[in-house]
PDB file of N, CA and C in Angstrom:
ATOM      1  N   MET A   1     202.256 301.307  -8.992  1.00  0.00           N
ATOM      2  CA  MET A   1     202.378 300.527  -9.659  1.00  0.00           C
ATOM      3  C   MET A   1     200.545 300.579  -9.939  1.00  0.00           C
ATOM      4  N   ALA A   2     200.759 298.761  -9.832  1.00  0.00           N
ATOM      5  CA  ALA A   2     198.748 298.917 -10.447  1.00  0.00           C
ATOM      6  C   ALA A   2     199.215 299.856 -12.675  1.00  0.00           C
ATOM      7  N   LYS A   3     199.828 299.592 -12.749  1.00  0.00           N
ATOM      8  CA  LYS A   3     199.540 299.886 -14.269  1.00  0.00           C
ATOM      9  C   LYS A   3     199.567 299.117 -15.623  1.00  0.00           C
ATOM     10  N   SER A   4     200.144 297.872 -15.412  1.00  0.00           N
ATOM     11  CA  SER A   4     199.818 296.925 -15.803  1.00  0.00           C
ATOM     12  C   SER A   4     199.272 296.766 -16.950  1.00  0.00           C
ATOM     13  N   LEU A   5     198.917 296.696 -18.145  1.00  0.00           N
ATOM     14  CA  LEU A   5     197.737 296.118 -19.072  1.00  0.00           C
ATOM     15  C   LEU A   5     196.713 295.003 -18.445  1.00  0.00           C
ATOM     16  N   ARG A   6     197.571 294.339 -18.403  1.00  0.00           N
ATOM     17  CA  ARG A   6     196.752 293.390 -16.659  1.00  0.00           C
ATOM     18  C   ARG A   6     195.638 293.442 -16.645  1.00  0.00           C
ATOM     19  N   SER A   7     195.718 294.746 -15.431  1.00  0.00           N
ATOM     20  CA  SER A   7     195.148 295.715 -13.917  1.00  0.00           C
ATOM     21  C   SER A   7     194.171 296.269 -14.726  1.00  0.00           C
ATOM     22  N   LYS A   8     194.902 297.264 -15.832  1.00  0.00           N
ATOM     23  CA  LYS A   8     193.680 297.877 -16.274  1.00  0.00           C
ATOM     24  C   LYS A   8     192.957 297.360 -16.902  1.00  0.00           C
ATOM     25  N   TRP A   9     193.442 295.588 -17.529  1.00  0.00           N
ATOM     26  CA  TRP A   9     191.591 295.004 -17.728  1.00  0.00           C
ATOM     27  C   TRP A   9     190.937 294.441 -17.376  1.00  0.00           C
ATOM     28  N   LYS A  10     192.019 294.441 -15.828  1.00  0.00           N
ATOM     29  CA  LYS A  10     190.857 293.813 -15.025  1.00  0.00           C
ATOM     30  C   LYS A  10     189.724 294.713 -14.503  1.00  0.00           C
ATOM     31  N   ARG A  11     190.599 296.205 -14.019  1.00  0.00           N
ATOM     32  CA  ARG A  11     189.413 296.838 -13.546  1.00  0.00           C
ATOM     33  C   ARG A  11     188.531 297.242 -14.556  1.00  0.00           C
ATOM     34  N   LYS A  12     189.323 297.423 -15.887  1.00  0.00           N
ATOM     35  CA  LYS A  12     187.843 297.699 -17.140  1.00  0.00           C
ATOM     36  C   LYS A  12     186.728 296.404 -17.114  1.00  0.00           C
ATOM     37  N   MET A  13     187.305 294.970 -16.862  1.00  0.00           N
ATOM     38  CA  MET A  13     186.188 294.776 -16.461  1.00  0.00           C
ATOM     39  C   MET A  13     184.851 294.079 -15.232  1.00  0.00           C
ATOM     40  N   ARG A  14     185.928 295.390 -14.207  1.00  0.00           N
ATOM     41  CA  ARG A  14     184.863 294.924 -12.990  1.00  0.00           C
ATOM     42  C   ARG A  14     184.446 295.652 -12.837  1.00  0.00           C
ATOM     43  N   ALA A  15     184.205 297.076 -13.727  1.00  0.00           N
ATOM     44  CA  ALA A  15     183.362 297.943 -13.935  1.00  0.00           C
ATOM     45  C   ALA A  15     182.577 297.480 -14.428  1.00  0.00           C
ATOM     46  N   GLU A  16     182.516 296.826 -16.068  1.00  0.00           N
ATOM     47  CA  GLU A  16     181.039 296.482 -16.621  1.00  0.00           C
ATOM     48  C   GLU A  16     180.269 295.585 -15.966  1.00  0.00           C
ATOM     49  N   LYS A  17     181.160 294.752 -15.001  1.00  0.00           N
ATOM     50  CA  LYS A  17     179.885 294.180 -14.566  1.00  0.00           C
ATOM     51  C   LYS A  17     179.103 294.494 -12.541  1.00  0.00           C
ATOM     52  N   ARG A  18     180.212 295.163 -13.181  1.00  0.00           N
ATOM     53  CA  ARG A  18     179.245 296.653 -11.899  1.00  0.00           C
ATOM     54  C   ARG A  18     178.405 296.545 -12.923  1.00  0.00           C
ATOM     55  N   LYS A  19     178.140 297.872 -13.186  1.00  0.00           N
ATOM     56  CA  LYS A  19     177.713 298.249 -14.230  1.00  0.00           C
ATOM     57  C   LYS A  19     176.143 297.040 -14.746  1.00  0.00           C
ATOM     58  N   LYS A  20     176.368 295.657 -15.274  1.00  0.00           N
ATOM     59  CA  LYS A  20     174.962 294.924 -15.492  1.00  0.00           C
ATOM     60  C   LYS A  20     175.061 294.569 -13.679  1.00  0.00           C
ATOM     61  N   ASN A  21     174.894 294.104 -12.835  1.00  0.00           N
ATOM     62  CA  ASN A  21     174.877 293.650 -11.839  1.00  0.00           C
ATOM     63  C   ASN A  21     173.843 294.544 -10.805  1.00  0.00           C
ATOM     64  N   ALA A  22     174.604 295.658 -11.184  1.00  0.00           N
ATOM     65  CA  ALA A  22     173.687 297.249 -10.475  1.00  0.00           C
ATOM     66  C   ALA A  22     171.922 296.966 -10.503  1.00  0.00           C
ATOM     67  N   PRO A  23     171.356 296.537 -11.048  1.00  0.00           N
ATOM     68  CA  PRO A  23     169.985 296.124 -10.982  1.00  0.00           C
ATOM     69  C   PRO A  23     169.280 295.484 -10.277  1.00  0.00           C
ATOM     70  N   LYS A  24     170.481 294.440 -10.771  1.00  0.00           N
ATOM     71  CA  LYS A  24     169.525 292.946  -9.521  1.00  0.00           C
ATOM     72  C   LYS A  24     170.383 292.939  -7.952  1.00  0.00           C
ATOM     73  N   GLU A  25     171.486 294.137  -8.219  1.00  0.00           N
ATOM     74  CA  GLU A  25     171.694 294.631  -6.457  1.00  0.00           C
ATOM     75  C   GLU A  25     170.104 295.527  -5.660  1.00  0.00           C
ATOM     76  N   LEU A  26     170.588 296.692  -7.271  1.00  0.00           N
ATOM     77  CA  LEU A  26     168.910 297.748  -6.575  1.00  0.00           C
ATOM     78  C   LEU A  26     168.155 296.992  -5.922  1.00  0.00           C
ATOM     79  N   ALA A  27     167.370 295.858  -6.535  1.00  0.00           N
ATOM     80  CA  ALA A  27     166.323 294.475  -6.347  1.00  0.00           C
ATOM     81  C   ALA A  27     166.875 294.385  -4.787  1.00  0.00           C
ATOM     82  N   ARG A  28     167.510 292.567  -4.640  1.00  0.00           N
ATOM     83  CA  ARG A  28     167.556 292.979  -3.802  1.00  0.00           C
ATOM     84  C   ARG A  28     168.030 293.662  -1.950  1.00  0.00           C
ATOM     85  N   LEU A  29     168.125 294.973  -2.867  1.00  0.00           N
ATOM     86  CA  LEU A  29     168.654 295.998  -1.706  1.00  0.00           C
ATOM     87  C   LEU A  29     167.116 295.996  -0.762  1.00  0.00           C
ATOM     88  N   LYS A  30     166.385 296.767  -1.797  1.00  0.00           N
ATOM     89  CA  LYS A  30     165.186 296.947  -2.057  1.00  0.00           C
ATOM     90  C   LYS A  30     164.785 296.203  -1.396  1.00  0.00           C
ATOM     91  N   GLN A  31     163.928 295.041  -1.169  1.00  0.00           N
ATOM     92  CA  GLN A  31     163.598 293.716  -0.460  1.00  0.00           C
ATOM     93  C   GLN A  31     164.370 293.888   0.631  1.00  0.00           C
ATOM     94  N   ALA A  32     165.578 293.862   1.020  1.00  0.00           N
ATOM     95  CA  ALA A  32     165.946 293.944   1.859  1.00  0.00           C
ATOM     96  C   ALA A  32     165.797 294.903   2.992  1.00  0.00           C
ATOM     97  N   LEU A  33     165.629 296.181   2.701  1.00  0.00           N
ATOM     98  CA  LEU A  33     164.843 296.832   3.030  1.00  0.00           C
ATOM     99  C   LEU A  33     163.004 297.141   3.459  1.00  0.00           C
ATOM    100  N   ASN A  34     162.536 295.513   2.727  1.00  0.00           N
ATOM    101  CA  ASN A  34     160.815 296.332   3.216  1.00  0.00           C
ATOM    102  C   ASN A  34     160.487 296.597   2.194  1.00  0.00           C
ATOM    103  N   LEU A  35     161.296 297.866   1.533  1.00  0.00           N
ATOM    104  CA  LEU A  35     160.761 298.620   0.238  1.00  0.00           C
ATOM    105  C   LEU A  35     159.780 298.640  -0.532  1.00  0.00           C
ATOM    106  N   ASP A  36     159.428 296.979  -0.497  1.00  0.00           N
ATOM    107  CA  ASP A  36     159.160 296.171  -2.345  1.00  0.00           C
ATOM    108  C   ASP A  36     157.835 295.091  -1.072  1.00  0.00           C
ATOM    109  N   LYS A  37     156.741 295.206  -2.189  1.00  0.00           N
ATOM    110  CA  LYS A  37     155.398 294.638  -1.394  1.00  0.00           C
ATOM    111  C   LYS A  37     155.976 293.400  -1.263  1.00  0.00           C
ATOM    112  N   LYS A  38     156.356 292.767  -1.147  1.00  0.00           N
ATOM    113  CA  LYS A  38     157.135 291.156  -0.874  1.00  0.00           C
ATOM    114  C   LYS A  38     157.304 291.243   0.333  1.00  0.00           C
ATOM    115  N   GLY A  39     158.371 292.285   0.696  1.00  0.00           N
ATOM    116  CA  GLY A  39     159.139 291.845   1.868  1.00  0.00           C
ATOM    117  C   GLY A  39     157.911 292.574   2.874  1.00  0.00           C
ATOM    118  N   GLU A  40     157.259 293.468   2.598  1.00  0.00           N
ATOM    119  CA  GLU A  40     155.972 294.143   3.980  1.00  0.00           C
ATOM    120  C   GLU A  40     155.235 292.666   3.998  1.00  0.00           C
ATOM    121  N   ASP A  41     154.977 291.920   3.073  1.00  0.00           N
ATOM    122  CA  ASP A  41     154.190 290.451   3.243  1.00  0.00           C
ATOM    123  C   ASP A  41     154.545 289.438   4.180  1.00  0.00           C
ATOM    124  N   ALA A  42     156.037 289.445   3.350  1.00  0.00           N
ATOM    125  CA  ALA A  42     157.174 288.297   5.301  1.00  0.00           C
ATOM    126  C   ALA A  42     157.291 289.170   5.943  1.00  0.00           C
ATOM    127  N   MET A  43     157.104 290.320   6.364  1.00  0.00           N
ATOM    128  CA  MET A  43     157.282 291.452   7.286  1.00  0.00           C
ATOM    129  C   MET A  43     156.047 290.934   8.445  1.00  0.00           C
ATOM    130  N   ALA A  44     154.984 290.942   7.880  1.00  0.00           N
ATOM    131  CA  ALA A  44     153.195 290.518   8.630  1.00  0.00           C
ATOM    132  C   ALA A  44     153.943 289.021   8.354  1.00  0.00           C
ATOM    133  N   GLU A  45     153.754 288.281   7.766  1.00  0.00           N
ATOM    134  CA  GLU A  45     154.070 286.725   8.186  1.00  0.00           C
ATOM    135  C   GLU A  45     155.027 286.899  10.101  1.00  0.00           C
ATOM    136  N   VAL A  46     155.695 287.598   9.544  1.00  0.00           N
ATOM    137  CA  VAL A  46     156.904 287.168  11.267  1.00  0.00           C
ATOM    138  C   VAL A  46     156.397 287.469  12.239  1.00  0.00           C
ATOM    139  N   GLN A  47     155.479 288.941  11.881  1.00  0.00           N
ATOM    140  CA  GLN A  47     154.655 289.612  13.747  1.00  0.00           C
ATOM    141  C   GLN A  47     154.332 288.362  13.985  1.00  0.00           C
ATOM    142  N   GLU A  48     153.156 288.125  13.529  1.00  0.00           N
ATOM    143  CA  GLU A  48     152.184 287.043  13.433  1.00  0.00           C
ATOM    144  C   GLU A  48     153.251 286.163  14.874  1.00  0.00           C
ATOM    145  N   ILE A  49     153.737 285.811  14.229  1.00  0.00           N
ATOM    146  CA  ILE A  49     154.861 284.735  15.117  1.00  0.00           C
ATOM    147  C   ILE A  49     155.363 285.551  15.149  1.00  0.00           C
ATOM    148  N   ALA A  50     156.943 286.429  15.745  1.00  0.00           N
ATOM    149  CA  ALA A  50     157.267 286.665  17.244  1.00  0.00           C
ATOM    150  C   ALA A  50     156.739 288.111  17.881  1.00  0.00           C
ATOM    151  N   THR A  51     157.091 288.438  18.734  1.00  0.00           N
ATOM    152  CA  THR A  51     156.444 289.556  19.102  1.00  0.00           C
ATOM    153  C   THR A  51     157.486 290.804  18.505  1.00  0.00           C
ATOM    154  N   VAL A  52     157.447 291.833  18.454  1.00  0.00           N
ATOM    155  CA  VAL A  52     158.903 292.757  17.887  1.00  0.00           C
ATOM    156  C   VAL A  52     157.921 293.276  18.812  1.00  0.00           C
ATOM    157  N   VAL A  53     159.786 293.383  18.958  1.00  0.00           N
ATOM    158  CA  VAL A  53     159.862 295.371  20.516  1.00  0.00           C
ATOM    159  C   VAL A  53     160.895 295.561  19.973  1.00  0.00           C
ATOM    160  N   PRO A  54     160.715 297.706  19.843  1.00  0.00           N
ATOM    161  CA  PRO A  54     160.780 298.428  20.242  1.00  0.00           C
ATOM    162  C   PRO A  54     162.761 298.350  20.628  1.00  0.00           C
ATOM    163  N   ALA A  55     163.569 298.948  19.887  1.00  0.00           N
ATOM    164  CA  ALA A  55     164.834 298.875  20.262  1.00  0.00           C
ATOM    165  C   ALA A  55     164.951 299.996  21.470  1.00  0.00           C
ATOM    166  N   ASP A  56     163.973 301.206  21.474  1.00  0.00           N
ATOM    167  CA  ASP A  56     163.916 302.358  23.338  1.00  0.00           C
ATOM    168  C   ASP A  56     164.051 300.688  24.182  1.00  0.00           C
ATOM    169  N   LYS A  57     162.910 299.935  24.009  1.00  0.00           N
ATOM    170  CA  LYS A  57     162.680 298.812  25.512  1.00  0.00           C
ATOM    171  C   LYS A  57     164.082 298.625  25.813  1.00  0.00           C
ATOM    172  N   ILE A  58     164.683 298.174  24.467  1.00  0.00           N
ATOM    173  CA  ILE A  58     165.703 297.080  24.751  1.00  0.00           C
ATOM    174  C   ILE A  58     166.682 297.870  25.679  1.00  0.00           C
ATOM    175  N   LYS A  59     166.849 299.352  25.064  1.00  0.00           N
ATOM    176  CA  LYS A  59     168.323 299.815  25.470  1.00  0.00           C
ATOM    177  C   LYS A  59     168.121 300.369  26.885  1.00  0.00           C
ATOM    178  N   LYS A  60     166.355 300.454  27.401  1.00  0.00           N
ATOM    179  CA  LYS A  60     166.621 300.567  28.535  1.00  0.00           C
ATOM    180  C   LYS A  60     167.176 299.271  29.482  1.00  0.00           C
ATOM    181  N   GLN A  61     166.446 298.137  29.809  1.00  0.00           N
ATOM    182  CA  GLN A  61     166.670 297.162  30.312  1.00  0.00           C
ATOM    183  C   GLN A  61     167.896 296.864  30.480  1.00  0.00           C
ATOM    184  N   THR A  62     169.123 296.923  29.388  1.00  0.00           N
ATOM    185  CA  THR A  62     169.838 296.450  28.947  1.00  0.00           C
ATOM    186  C   THR A  62     170.666 297.399  30.009  1.00  0.00           C
ATOM    187  N   ASP A  63     170.840 299.103  29.487  1.00  0.00           N
ATOM    188  CA  ASP A  63     170.990 300.315  30.913  1.00  0.00           C
ATOM    189  C   ASP A  63     171.139 299.167  32.591  1.00  0.00           C
ATOM    190  N   VAL A  64     169.481 298.990  33.049  1.00  0.00           N
ATOM    191  CA  VAL A  64     169.305 298.601  34.268  1.00  0.00           C
ATOM    192  C   VAL A  64     170.649 297.386  34.324  1.00  0.00           C
ATOM    193  N   GLU A  65     169.705 296.316  33.518  1.00  0.00           N
ATOM    194  CA  GLU A  65     170.991 294.779  33.935  1.00  0.00           C
ATOM    195  C   GLU A  65     173.236 296.268  33.889  1.00  0.00           C
ATOM    196  N   MET A  66     173.398 296.735  32.993  1.00  0.00           N
ATOM    197  CA  MET A  66     174.502 296.828  33.496  1.00  0.00           C
ATOM    198  C   MET A  66     174.782 297.879  34.557  1.00  0.00           C
ATOM    199  N   GLY A  67     173.941 298.346  35.146  1.00  0.00           N
ATOM    200  CA  GLY A  67     173.655 299.822  36.594  1.00  0.00           C
ATOM    201  C   GLY A  67     173.947 298.674  36.992  1.00  0.00           C
ATOM    202  N   GLU A  68     173.761 297.249  37.648  1.00  0.00           N
ATOM    203  CA  GLU A  68     173.286 296.346  38.541  1.00  0.00           C
ATOM    204  C   GLU A  68     174.988 295.584  38.507  1.00  0.00           C
ATOM    205  N   VAL A  69     175.046 295.212  37.294  1.00  0.00           N
ATOM    206  CA  VAL A  69     176.812 294.817  36.902  1.00  0.00           C
ATOM    207  C   VAL A  69     177.898 295.300  37.488  1.00  0.00           C
ATOM    208  N   GLU A  70     177.566 297.249  37.264  1.00  0.00           N
ATOM    209  CA  GLU A  70     178.451 297.954  37.517  1.00  0.00           C
ATOM    210  C   GLU A  70     179.016 298.400  38.859  1.00  0.00           C
ATOM    211  N   ALA A  71     177.793 296.986  39.818  1.00  0.00           N
ATOM    212  CA  ALA A  71     177.651 297.721  41.494  1.00  0.00           C
ATOM    213  C   ALA A  71     178.259 296.642  41.804  1.00  0.00           C
ATOM    214  N   ASP A  72     179.230 295.977  40.757  1.00  0.00           N
ATOM    215  CA  ASP A  72     180.643 295.822  42.095  1.00  0.00           C
ATOM    216  C   ASP A  72     181.445 295.845  41.798  1.00  0.00           C
ATOM    217  N   ASP A  73     182.781 296.074  42.369  1.00  0.00           N
ATOM    218  CA  ASP A  73     184.135 296.808  42.468  1.00  0.00           C
ATOM    219  C   ASP A  73     184.787 297.306  41.126  1.00  0.00           C
ATOM    220  N   GLY A  74     184.070 295.615  40.544  1.00  0.00           N
ATOM    221  CA  GLY A  74     184.249 296.157  39.181  1.00  0.00           C
ATOM    222  C   GLY A  74     185.499 295.805  38.611  1.00  0.00           C
ATOM    223  N   LYS A  75     186.625 295.178  39.341  1.00  0.00           N
ATOM    224  CA  LYS A  75     188.436 294.373  40.248  1.00  0.00           C
ATOM    225  C   LYS A  75     188.018 293.607  39.550  1.00  0.00           C
ATOM    226  N   MET A  76     188.925 292.985  38.942  1.00  0.00           N
ATOM    227  CA  MET A  76     188.928 291.709  38.425  1.00  0.00           C
ATOM    228  C   MET A  76     189.459 290.442  39.798  1.00  0.00           C
ATOM    229  N   GLU A  77     188.799 289.207  39.122  1.00  0.00           N
ATOM    230  CA  GLU A  77     189.748 288.447  40.069  1.00  0.00           C
ATOM    231  C   GLU A  77     191.295 287.872  39.966  1.00  0.00           C
ATOM    232  N   MET A  78     192.001 288.089  40.035  1.00  0.00           N
ATOM    233  CA  MET A  78     193.046 287.832  39.948  1.00  0.00           C
ATOM    234  C   MET A  78     193.560 286.400  41.308  1.00  0.00           C
ATOM    235  N   ASP A  79     193.886 285.115  40.524  1.00  0.00           N
ATOM    236  CA  ASP A  79     194.186 283.848  41.056  1.00  0.00           C
ATOM    237  C   ASP A  79     195.294 283.948  41.100  1.00  0.00           C
ATOM    238  N   SER A  80     196.989 284.892  41.233  1.00  0.00           N
ATOM    239  CA  SER A  80     198.396 285.107  42.397  1.00  0.00           C
ATOM    240  C   SER A  80     198.327 286.614  42.237  1.00  0.00           C
ATOM    241  N   LYS A  81     198.985 286.422  43.270  1.00  0.00           N
ATOM    242  CA  LYS A  81     199.310 287.718  43.529  1.00  0.00           C
ATOM    243  C   LYS A  81     200.709 288.322  43.332  1.00  0.00           C
ATOM    244  N   ARG A  82     201.228 289.285  42.513  1.00  0.00           N
ATOM    245  CA  ARG A  82     202.306 289.785  42.098  1.00  0.00           C
ATOM    246  C   ARG A  82     203.037 291.173  41.798  1.00  0.00           C
ATOM    247  N   ASN A  83     203.898 290.874  42.123  1.00  0.00           N
ATOM    248  CA  ASN A  83     205.465 292.799  42.848  1.00  0.00           C
ATOM    249  C   ASN A  83     204.811 293.212  41.383  1.00  0.00           C
ATOM    250  N   LYS A  84     203.813 294.631  41.674  1.00  0.00           N
ATOM    251  CA  LYS A  84     203.823 295.027  40.590  1.00  0.00           C
ATOM    252  C   LYS A  84     205.818 295.475  39.896  1.00  0.00           C
ATOM    253  N   LYS A  85     206.465 295.931  40.150  1.00  0.00           N
ATOM    254  CA  LYS A  85     207.885 296.015  40.527  1.00  0.00           C
ATOM    255  C   LYS A  85     208.447 294.867  39.708  1.00  0.00           C
ATOM    256  N   THR A  86     208.888 293.418  40.144  1.00  0.00           N
ATOM    257  CA  THR A  86     209.792 292.867  39.548  1.00  0.00           C
ATOM    258  C   THR A  86     208.859 291.627  38.116  1.00  0.00           C
ATOM    259  N   LEU A  87     207.484 291.799  38.092  1.00  0.00           N
ATOM    260  CA  LEU A  87     206.009 290.758  38.038  1.00  0.00           C
ATOM    261  C   LEU A  87     206.524 289.365  38.314  1.00  0.00           C
ATOM    262  N   LEU A  88     206.902 289.315  39.029  1.00  0.00           N
ATOM    263  CA  LEU A  88     207.007 287.641  39.704  1.00  0.00           C
ATOM    264  C   LEU A  88     206.081 286.793  40.795  1.00  0.00           C
ATOM    265  N   ASP A  89     205.854 286.261  40.592  1.00  0.00           N
ATOM    266  CA  ASP A  89     204.305 286.007  41.847  1.00  0.00           C
ATOM    267  C   ASP A  89     204.575 285.791  42.874  1.00  0.00           C
ATOM    268  N   GLU A  90     203.630 284.872  43.595  1.00  0.00           N
ATOM    269  CA  GLU A  90     204.337 284.272  45.011  1.00  0.00           C
ATOM    270  C   GLU A  90     205.746 283.173  44.847  1.00  0.00           C
ATOM    271  N   ASN A  91     205.797 282.507  43.422  1.00  0.00           N
ATOM    272  CA  ASN A  91     206.251 280.699  43.424  1.00  0.00           C
ATOM    273  C   ASN A  91     207.703 282.039  43.023  1.00  0.00           C
ATOM    274  N   GLY A  92     207.430 282.807  42.388  1.00  0.00           N
ATOM    275  CA  GLY A  92     209.026 283.939  41.956  1.00  0.00           C
ATOM    276  C   GLY A  92     208.893 283.350  40.562  1.00  0.00           C
ATOM    277  N   GLN A  93     208.069 283.206  39.620  1.00  0.00           N
ATOM    278  CA  GLN A  93     207.833 282.461  38.141  1.00  0.00           C
ATOM    279  C   GLN A  93     207.252 284.214  37.468  1.00  0.00           C
ATOM    280  N   TYR A  94     206.877 284.323  36.290  1.00  0.00           N
ATOM    281  CA  TYR A  94     206.617 285.250  35.806  1.00  0.00           C
ATOM    282  C   TYR A  94     205.876 285.000  34.640  1.00  0.00           C
ATOM    283  N   PRO A  95     205.158 285.814  34.040  1.00  0.00           N
ATOM    284  CA  PRO A  95     203.443 286.172  33.826  1.00  0.00           C
ATOM    285  C   PRO A  95     204.046 285.483  32.702  1.00  0.00           C
ATOM    286  N   ALA A  96     203.135 284.147  31.943  1.00  0.00           N
ATOM    287  CA  ALA A  96     203.602 283.843  30.624  1.00  0.00           C
ATOM    288  C   ALA A  96     203.390 284.729  28.975  1.00  0.00           C
ATOM    289  N   TRP A  97     202.519 285.326  29.625  1.00  0.00           N
ATOM    290  CA  TRP A  97     203.416 286.077  28.457  1.00  0.00           C
ATOM    291  C   TRP A  97     205.212 287.057  28.295  1.00  0.00           C
ATOM    292  N   MET A  98     204.988 286.891  29.211  1.00  0.00           N
ATOM    293  CA  MET A  98     206.549 287.857  28.635  1.00  0.00           C
ATOM    294  C   MET A  98     207.126 287.160  28.438  1.00  0.00           C
ATOM    295  N   SER A  99     208.685 286.889  27.426  1.00  0.00           N
ATOM    296  CA  SER A  99     209.462 286.218  25.951  1.00  0.00           C
ATOM    297  C   SER A  99     210.564 285.777  28.137  1.00  0.00           C
ATOM    298  N   GLN A 100     211.363 284.776  27.126  1.00  0.00           N
ATOM    299  CA  GLN A 100     212.135 284.598  27.421  1.00  0.00           C
ATOM    300  C   GLN A 100     213.636 285.665  28.281  1.00  0.00           C
ATOM    301  N   ARG A 101     213.811 286.170  27.150  1.00  0.00           N
ATOM    302  CA  ARG A 101     214.811 286.912  27.059  1.00  0.00           C
ATOM    303  C   ARG A 101     214.891 288.017  28.440  1.00  0.00           C
ATOM    304  N   GLN A 102     213.238 289.250  28.183  1.00  0.00           N
ATOM    305  CA  GLN A 102     212.369 289.616  28.891  1.00  0.00           C
ATOM    306  C   GLN A 102     213.078 289.605  30.564  1.00  0.00           C
ATOM    307  N   ALA A 103     212.236 288.100  30.344  1.00  0.00           N
ATOM    308  CA  ALA A 103     212.457 287.859  32.100  1.00  0.00           C
ATOM    309  C   ALA A 103     214.526 287.420  32.533  1.00  0.00           C
ATOM    310  N   LYS A 104     214.944 287.284  32.035  1.00  0.00           N
ATOM    311  CA  LYS A 104     216.241 287.323  31.621  1.00  0.00           C
ATOM    312  C   LYS A 104     216.830 288.301  32.391  1.00  0.00           C
ATOM    313  N   LYS A 105     216.905 289.697  30.999  1.00  0.00           N
ATOM    314  CA  LYS A 105     216.729 291.135  31.879  1.00  0.00           C
ATOM    315  C   LYS A 105     216.791 292.024  33.206  1.00  0.00           C
ATOM    316  N   LEU A 106     215.507 291.273  33.658  1.00  0.00           N
ATOM    317  CA  LEU A 106     214.651 291.728  35.126  1.00  0.00           C
ATOM    318  C   LEU A 106     215.269 291.241  35.954  1.00  0.00           C
ATOM    319  N   LYS A 107     215.606 289.788  35.714  1.00  0.00           N
ATOM    320  CA  LYS A 107     216.920 288.687  36.357  1.00  0.00           C
ATOM    321  C   LYS A 107     217.783 289.090  36.405  1.00  0.00           C
ATOM    322  N   THR A 108     218.348 289.473  35.631  1.00  0.00           N
ATOM    323  CA  THR A 108     219.974 290.359  35.968  1.00  0.00           C
ATOM    324  C   THR A 108     219.906 291.332  36.275  1.00  0.00           C
ATOM    325  N   LYS A 109     218.833 292.162  36.159  1.00  0.00           N
ATOM    326  CA  LYS A 109     219.159 293.493  37.037  1.00  0.00           C
ATOM    327  C   LYS A 109     218.105 293.000  38.523  1.00  0.00           C
ATOM    328  N   ARG A 110     217.385 292.366  38.735  1.00  0.00           N
ATOM    329  CA  ARG A 110     217.538 292.522  40.131  1.00  0.00           C
ATOM    330  C   ARG A 110     218.366 291.892  41.423  1.00  0.00           C
ATOM    331  N   MET A 111     219.323 290.762  40.253  1.00  0.00           N
ATOM    332  CA  MET A 111     220.710 290.019  40.970  1.00  0.00           C
ATOM    333  C   MET A 111     221.744 291.135  41.827  1.00  0.00           C
ATOM    334  N   ALA A 112     221.821 292.421  39.923  1.00  0.00           N
ATOM    335  CA  ALA A 112     222.886 293.220  40.448  1.00  0.00           C
ATOM    336  C   ALA A 112     222.280 293.955  41.508  1.00  0.00           C
ATOM    337  N   LYS A 113     220.866 294.662  41.775  1.00  0.00           N
ATOM    338  CA  LYS A 113     220.561 295.731  42.893  1.00  0.00           C
ATOM    339  C   LYS A 113     221.006 294.881  43.956  1.00  0.00           C
ATOM    340  N   LYS A 114     220.651 293.767  44.688  1.00  0.00           N
ATOM    341  CA  LYS A 114     220.658 292.496  45.184  1.00  0.00           C
ATOM    342  C   LYS A 114     221.991 292.262  45.463  1.00  0.00           C
ATOM    343  N   SER A 115     223.460 291.953  45.262  1.00  0.00           N
ATOM    344  CA  SER A 115     224.554 292.428  44.943  1.00  0.00           C
ATOM    345  C   SER A 115     225.715 293.912  44.857  1.00  0.00           C
ATOM    346  N   GLY A 116     225.168 294.380  44.182  1.00  0.00           N
ATOM    347  CA  GLY A 116     225.209 295.648  44.455  1.00  0.00           C
ATOM    348  C   GLY A 116     225.926 295.877  43.044  1.00  0.00           C
ATOM    349  N   GLN A 117     226.758 295.275  42.320  1.00  0.00           N
ATOM    350  CA  GLN A 117     227.776 295.500  41.104  1.00  0.00           C
ATOM    351  C   GLN A 117     226.870 294.040  40.274  1.00  0.00           C
ATOM    352  N   ALA A 118     227.030 294.902  38.895  1.00  0.00           N
ATOM    353  CA  ALA A 118     226.352 294.175  37.482  1.00  0.00           C
ATOM    354  C   ALA A 118     226.957 293.288  37.451  1.00  0.00           C
ATOM    355  N   LYS A 119     226.632 291.791  36.596  1.00  0.00           N
ATOM    356  CA  LYS A 119     227.573 290.810  35.962  1.00  0.00           C
ATOM    357  C   LYS A 119     227.761 291.480  34.210  1.00  0.00           C
ATOM    358  N   LYS A 120     229.050 290.973  34.761  1.00  0.00           N
ATOM    359  CA  LYS A 120     229.437 291.503  32.910  1.00  0.00           C
ATOM    360  C   LYS A 120     228.722 290.877  32.656  1.00  0.00           C
ATOM    361  N   LYS A 121     228.573 291.870  31.313  1.00  0.00           N
ATOM    362  CA  LYS A 121     227.577 290.808  29.406  1.00  0.00           C
ATOM    363  C   LYS A 121     228.485 290.103  29.214  1.00  0.00           C
ATOM    364  N   LYS A 122     228.669 288.830  28.174  1.00  0.00           N
ATOM    365  CA  LYS A 122     229.498 288.454  27.141  1.00  0.00           C
ATOM    366  C   LYS A 122     229.557 289.851  25.851  1.00  0.00           C
ATOM    367  N   GLY A 123     230.674 289.371  25.297  1.00  0.00           N
ATOM    368  CA  GLY A 123     230.082 289.779  23.716  1.00  0.00           C
ATOM    369  C   GLY A 123     231.925 290.314  23.815  1.00  0.00           C
ATOM    370  N   ILE A 124     231.638 291.022  22.536  1.00  0.00           N
ATOM    371  CA  ILE A 124     232.550 291.664  22.151  1.00  0.00           C
ATOM    372  C   ILE A 124     232.442 292.880  22.683  1.00  0.00           C
ATOM    373  N   SER A 125     234.104 293.663  22.897  1.00  0.00           N
ATOM    374  CA  SER A 125     234.379 294.602  23.439  1.00  0.00           C
ATOM    375  C   SER A 125     235.103 295.754  22.599  1.00  0.00           C
ATOM    376  N   TRP A 126     234.893 296.677  22.002  1.00  0.00           N
ATOM    377  CA  TRP A 126     235.710 297.351  21.375  1.00  0.00           C
ATOM    378  C   TRP A 126     236.479 298.201  22.141  1.00  0.00           C
TER     379      TRP A 126
END
């Protein structure tokens, strides 16, 4: 694919655009990385306004907070109790994420087990 004349032309023009915009992008990148003199002046102004905290301190602080959170059992609180085998809750309802087809399949399996024999499916028998 992508061998048509139109796509070749588009690729060529994009390459030319990249060449044309490369110096501007480089200047913007240098300014963003504070390699340019103007960027250093702006950083000095920011330091006067706000306190700059090293990343190490922040990481240590978050590690301590995470330790406090892990002190819990780490279990989610469940509103309803669900049977793991049938996926039914105490009201006999299937979970919201389950499709009707899947719920019906589980119900027929459960009823077949209860009665001893499976209900015959409708359809064409060959």
